[in-house]
Amino acid sequence: MAQKIARDARSGEFVRMAVAARRPSTTTVEFVGSDTGNSRSVNRSADSGRFVTAAAAKRNPGGTIKQKV
């Protein structure tokens, strides 16, 4: 199921949708999940939301998330 999420455009950190509504020029809203048609897998730091390499995700599985974009 697709889920709508918001991020700070500069840092990549997740923000609440209310924050994204107040700051549309500095945030981005994206859809993630299985129903989006996204096919490329990426890894992100669960702490910062920034992209990390596959090797970094493998070293720290509890601190990273994998998603389709």
C-alpha atoms as a PDB file:
ATOM      1  CA  MET A   1       0.000   0.000   0.000  1.00  0.00           C
ATOM      2  CA  ALA A   2       1.349   3.428  -0.939  1.00  0.00           C
ATOM      3  CA  GLN A   3       2.076   5.882   1.825  1.00  0.00           C
ATOM      4  CA  LYS A   4       2.545   9.639   1.548  1.00  0.00           C
ATOM      5  CA  ILE A   5       5.611  10.954   3.392  1.00  0.00           C
ATOM      6  CA  ALA A   6       7.278  14.344   3.676  1.00  0.00           C
ATOM      7  CA  ARG A   7      10.968  15.271   3.849  1.00  0.00           C
ATOM      8  CA  ASP A   8      13.034  18.357   4.414  1.00  0.00           C
ATOM      9  CA  ALA A   9      14.487  19.133   0.971  1.00  0.00           C
ATOM     10  CA  ARG A  10      17.922  20.110   2.287  1.00  0.00           C
ATOM     11  CA  SER A  11      18.649  17.518   4.965  1.00  0.00           C
ATOM     12  CA  GLY A  12      16.493  14.630   3.731  1.00  0.00           C
ATOM     13  CA  GLU A  13      15.033  14.162   7.207  1.00  0.00           C
ATOM     14  CA  PHE A  14      11.453  13.030   7.575  1.00  0.00           C
ATOM     15  CA  VAL A  15       9.016  15.725   8.707  1.00  0.00           C
ATOM     16  CA  ARG A  16       5.329  15.659   9.593  1.00  0.00           C
ATOM     17  CA  MET A  17       2.845  16.438   6.838  1.00  0.00           C
ATOM     18  CA  ALA A  18       1.745  19.529   8.807  1.00  0.00           C
ATOM     19  CA  VAL A  19       5.300  20.864   8.564  1.00  0.00           C
ATOM     20  CA  ALA A  20       5.344  20.190   4.820  1.00  0.00           C
ATOM     21  CA  ALA A  21       2.067  22.082   4.418  1.00  0.00           C
ATOM     22  CA  ARG A  22       3.537  25.111   6.230  1.00  0.00           C
ATOM     23  CA  ARG A  23       6.856  25.013   4.317  1.00  0.00           C
ATOM     24  CA  PRO A  24       6.107  23.880   0.748  1.00  0.00           C
ATOM     25  CA  SER A  25       9.204  25.551  -0.707  1.00  0.00           C
ATOM     26  CA  THR A  26      11.629  23.688   1.583  1.00  0.00           C
ATOM     27  CA  THR A  27       9.970  20.276   1.782  1.00  0.00           C
ATOM     28  CA  THR A  28       9.079  17.502  -0.614  1.00  0.00           C
ATOM     29  CA  VAL A  29       6.197  15.021  -0.461  1.00  0.00           C
ATOM     30  CA  GLU A  30       6.617  11.581  -1.967  1.00  0.00           C
ATOM     31  CA  PHE A  31       4.726   8.328  -2.202  1.00  0.00           C
ATOM     32  CA  VAL A  32       6.444   5.142  -1.051  1.00  0.00           C
ATOM     33  CA  GLY A  33       5.281   1.559  -0.837  1.00  0.00           C
ATOM     34  CA  SER A  34       4.213  -1.336  -2.954  1.00  0.00           C
ATOM     35  CA  ASP A  35       1.390   0.324  -4.925  1.00  0.00           C
ATOM     36  CA  THR A  36       3.446   3.211  -6.313  1.00  0.00           C
ATOM     37  CA  GLY A  37       5.011   1.452  -9.282  1.00  0.00           C
ATOM     38  CA  ASN A  38       8.431   2.429  -7.971  1.00  0.00           C
ATOM     39  CA  SER A  39      10.975  -0.225  -8.901  1.00  0.00           C
ATOM     40  CA  ARG A  40      14.419   0.942  -7.753  1.00  0.00           C
ATOM     41  CA  SER A  41      15.469   0.003  -4.209  1.00  0.00           C
ATOM     42  CA  VAL A  42      17.439   2.523  -2.168  1.00  0.00           C
ATOM     43  CA  ASN A  43      18.771   2.555   1.378  1.00  0.00           C
ATOM     44  CA  ARG A  44      18.367   5.424   3.809  1.00  0.00           C
ATOM     45  CA  SER A  45      19.622   6.161   7.272  1.00  0.00           C
ATOM     46  CA  ALA A  46      16.711   5.766   9.688  1.00  0.00           C
ATOM     47  CA  ASP A  47      18.192   8.547  11.801  1.00  0.00           C
ATOM     48  CA  SER A  48      18.793  11.264   9.218  1.00  0.00           C
ATOM     49  CA  GLY A  49      16.797  10.102   6.175  1.00  0.00           C
ATOM     50  CA  ARG A  50      19.848  10.499   3.946  1.00  0.00           C
ATOM     51  CA  PHE A  51      20.758   7.968   1.273  1.00  0.00           C
ATOM     52  CA  VAL A  52      23.414   5.410   2.268  1.00  0.00           C
ATOM     53  CA  THR A  53      25.269   2.790   0.269  1.00  0.00           C
ATOM     54  CA  ALA A  54      24.238  -0.860   0.244  1.00  0.00           C
ATOM     55  CA  ALA A  55      27.439  -1.676   2.147  1.00  0.00           C
ATOM     56  CA  ALA A  56      26.566   0.838   4.878  1.00  0.00           C
ATOM     57  CA  ALA A  57      23.049  -0.604   5.125  1.00  0.00           C
ATOM     58  CA  LYS A  58      24.465  -4.119   5.451  1.00  0.00           C
ATOM     59  CA  ARG A  59      26.802  -2.997   8.271  1.00  0.00           C
ATOM     60  CA  ASN A  60      23.959  -1.278  10.128  1.00  0.00           C
ATOM     61  CA  PRO A  61      20.679  -3.101   9.384  1.00  0.00           C
ATOM     62  CA  GLY A  62      18.935  -1.755  12.484  1.00  0.00           C
ATOM     63  CA  GLY A  63      19.736   1.838  11.596  1.00  0.00           C
ATOM     64  CA  THR A  64      18.719   1.834   7.943  1.00  0.00           C
ATOM     65  CA  ILE A  65      15.569   1.393   5.906  1.00  0.00           C
ATOM     66  CA  LYS A  66      15.156   0.075   2.378  1.00  0.00           C
ATOM     67  CA  GLN A  67      12.513   1.601   0.147  1.00  0.00           C
ATOM     68  CA  LYS A  68      11.441   1.611  -3.476  1.00  0.00           C
ATOM     69  CA  VAL A  69      11.748   4.877  -5.393  1.00  0.00           C
END
